[in-house]
C-alpha atoms as a PDB file:
ATOM      1  CA  MET A   1       8.053   6.059   4.075  1.00  0.00           C
ATOM      2  CA  LYS A   2       6.995   3.724   6.114  1.00  0.00           C
ATOM      3  CA  GLU A   3       9.642   4.530   8.731  1.00  0.00           C
ATOM      4  CA  LEU A   4       8.234   8.228   8.971  1.00  0.00           C
ATOM      5  CA  LEU A   5       4.472   6.831   9.594  1.00  0.00           C
ATOM      6  CA  ILE A   6       6.011   4.854  12.022  1.00  0.00           C
ATOM      7  CA  GLU A   7       7.220   7.548  13.917  1.00  0.00           C
ATOM      8  CA  LEU A   8       4.338   9.850  13.077  1.00  0.00           C
ATOM      9  CA  ASN A   9       2.452   7.301  14.797  1.00  0.00           C
ATOM     10  CA  GLY A  10       4.337   7.693  17.762  1.00  0.00           C
ATOM     11  CA  GLU A  11       4.230  11.336  17.969  1.00  0.00           C
ATOM     12  CA  ILE A  12       0.232  11.209  17.973  1.00  0.00           C
ATOM     13  CA  LYS A  13      -1.079   7.866  19.835  1.00  0.00           C
ATOM     14  CA  LYS A  14      -1.756   9.243  22.674  1.00  0.00           C
ATOM     15  CA  LEU A  15      -4.154  11.969  21.307  1.00  0.00           C
ATOM     16  CA  TYR A  16      -6.188   9.204  19.477  1.00  0.00           C
ATOM     17  CA  SER A  17      -6.114   6.707  21.552  1.00  0.00           C
ATOM     18  CA  LYS A  18      -7.728   9.067  24.292  1.00  0.00           C
ATOM     19  CA  TYR A  19     -10.722   8.981  22.215  1.00  0.00           C
ATOM     20  CA  ASP A  20     -10.655   5.025  21.590  1.00  0.00           C
ATOM     21  CA  PHE A  21      -9.380   4.740  18.405  1.00  0.00           C
ATOM     22  CA  ASP A  22      -7.503   2.107  17.425  1.00  0.00           C
ATOM     23  CA  LEU A  23      -4.065   1.428  15.053  1.00  0.00           C
ATOM     24  CA  ASP A  24      -5.580  -0.287  11.708  1.00  0.00           C
ATOM     25  CA  GLU A  25      -2.528  -0.413  10.226  1.00  0.00           C
ATOM     26  CA  ILE A  26       0.728   2.024   8.706  1.00  0.00           C
ATOM     27  CA  ASP A  27       0.237   1.889   5.225  1.00  0.00           C
ATOM     28  CA  GLU A  28       3.617   2.684   3.650  1.00  0.00           C
ATOM     29  CA  GLU A  29       1.899   2.417   0.205  1.00  0.00           C
ATOM     30  CA  ASP A  30      -0.194   4.763   0.119  1.00  0.00           C
ATOM     31  CA  GLY A  31       1.171   6.297   2.934  1.00  0.00           C
ATOM     32  CA  LYS A  32      -1.052   6.468   6.084  1.00  0.00           C
ATOM     33  CA  ILE A  33      -1.677   5.691   9.019  1.00  0.00           C
ATOM     34  CA  GLU A  34      -4.930   3.345   9.364  1.00  0.00           C
ATOM     35  CA  LEU A  35      -7.535   4.298  12.514  1.00  0.00           C
ATOM     36  CA  SER A  36     -10.831   3.061  13.828  1.00  0.00           C
ATOM     37  CA  THR A  37     -13.083   3.156  15.886  1.00  0.00           C
ATOM     38  CA  ARG A  38     -17.013   1.690  17.260  1.00  0.00           C
ATOM     39  CA  GLU A  39     -16.423   2.030  21.016  1.00  0.00           C
ATOM     40  CA  ASN A  40     -19.690   4.559  20.652  1.00  0.00           C
ATOM     41  CA  GLY A  41     -21.855   3.157  17.876  1.00  0.00           C
ATOM     42  CA  ASP A  42     -24.607   0.565  17.987  1.00  0.00           C
ATOM     43  CA  VAL A  43     -23.548  -2.204  16.597  1.00  0.00           C
ATOM     44  CA  GLY A  44     -27.187  -3.249  16.629  1.00  0.00           C
ATOM     45  CA  GLU A  45     -28.246  -0.897  14.315  1.00  0.00           C
ATOM     46  CA  GLY A  46     -25.234  -1.028  12.455  1.00  0.00           C
ATOM     47  CA  GLU A  47     -24.720   2.758  12.987  1.00  0.00           C
ATOM     48  CA  TYR A  48     -22.172   5.128  14.089  1.00  0.00           C
ATOM     49  CA  SER A  49     -21.541   7.344  17.353  1.00  0.00           C
ATOM     50  CA  GLU A  50     -22.293  10.973  16.249  1.00  0.00           C
ATOM     51  CA  ILE A  51     -19.478  11.065  19.839  1.00  0.00           C
ATOM     52  CA  ASP A  52     -16.673   8.709  17.383  1.00  0.00           C
ATOM     53  CA  MET A  53     -17.576  11.324  14.794  1.00  0.00           C
ATOM     54  CA  GLY A  54     -17.246  14.104  16.779  1.00  0.00           C
ATOM     55  CA  ASN A  55     -13.881  12.052  18.458  1.00  0.00           C
ATOM     56  CA  ALA A  56     -12.705  11.891  14.776  1.00  0.00           C
ATOM     57  CA  GLU A  57     -12.729  15.909  13.781  1.00  0.00           C
ATOM     58  CA  LYS A  58     -11.458  17.093  17.333  1.00  0.00           C
ATOM     59  CA  ILE A  59      -8.378  14.455  16.394  1.00  0.00           C
ATOM     60  CA  CYS A  60      -8.533  15.485  12.503  1.00  0.00           C
ATOM     61  CA  ASP A  61      -8.001  19.738  14.113  1.00  0.00           C
ATOM     62  CA  GLU A  62      -5.950  19.414  16.692  1.00  0.00           C
ATOM     63  CA  ILE A  63      -3.554  16.930  13.984  1.00  0.00           C
ATOM     64  CA  LEU A  64      -3.705  19.578  11.532  1.00  0.00           C
ATOM     65  CA  THR A  65      -3.358  22.725  13.573  1.00  0.00           C
ATOM     66  CA  ASP A  66       0.004  20.772  15.174  1.00  0.00           C
ATOM     67  CA  TYR A  67       1.123  19.748  11.943  1.00  0.00           C
ATOM     68  CA  GLN A  68       0.270  22.768   9.937  1.00  0.00           C
ATOM     69  CA  GLU A  69       4.080  23.171   8.536  1.00  0.00           C
ATOM     70  CA  GLY A  70       3.975  19.407   7.723  1.00  0.00           C
ATOM     71  CA  PHE A  71       5.390  16.692   9.592  1.00  0.00           C
ATOM     72  CA  LYS A  72       9.542  15.915   8.106  1.00  0.00           C
ATOM     73  CA  GLY A  73       8.982  17.984   4.778  1.00  0.00           C
ATOM     74  CA  TYR A  74       5.475  16.358   4.115  1.00  0.00           C
ATOM     75  CA  GLN A  75       2.171  17.705   4.143  1.00  0.00           C
ATOM     76  CA  VAL A  76      -0.349  16.138   6.490  1.00  0.00           C
ATOM     77  CA  ASP A  77      -3.594  15.694   6.059  1.00  0.00           C
ATOM     78  CA  CYS A  78      -6.745  14.248   7.622  1.00  0.00           C
ATOM     79  CA  GLN A  79     -10.314  11.902   5.998  1.00  0.00           C
ATOM     80  CA  ILE A  80     -13.230  10.365   8.185  1.00  0.00           C
ATOM     81  CA  ASP A  81     -15.001   8.078   6.561  1.00  0.00           C
ATOM     82  CA  THR A  82     -17.703   5.748   8.127  1.00  0.00           C
ATOM     83  CA  CYS A  83     -18.869   2.492   7.933  1.00  0.00           C
ATOM     84  CA  ASP A  84     -22.001   0.949   9.401  1.00  0.00           C
ATOM     85  CA  GLU A  85     -20.961   1.203  13.310  1.00  0.00           C
ATOM     86  CA  TRP A  86     -17.138   2.515  12.669  1.00  0.00           C
ATOM     87  CA  VAL A  87     -15.747   5.456  12.163  1.00  0.00           C
ATOM     88  CA  HIS A  88     -12.437   5.821  10.018  1.00  0.00           C
ATOM     89  CA  LEU A  89      -9.645   8.174  10.331  1.00  0.00           C
ATOM     90  CA  ASP A  90      -7.283   8.526   8.016  1.00  0.00           C
ATOM     91  CA  ILE A  91      -3.896  10.725   8.903  1.00  0.00           C
ATOM     92  CA  SER A  92      -1.922  10.745   4.854  1.00  0.00           C
ATOM     93  CA  LEU A  93       0.959  12.266   4.386  1.00  0.00           C
ATOM     94  CA  PHE A  94       2.069  13.481   0.586  1.00  0.00           C
END
């Protein structure tokens, strides 16, 4: 699974990098790529930015469109979450 996640990450890295998301971890156990950003978040107030949230939605939309038939026999899914000024984006294979 890790090799597949690394390969998928290589294919989507340019996309998430242009929206200032960083790779946090390739989680082989849970089958997901974990990304995050606080590029436009308010660190002092501990609030995430609607810009970062919108960018996460754009990334998800593009990934789900590009991989609507799956990736190497696996389905692809995205999940967005927030914590303080951070926007987290998990891309899963299942």
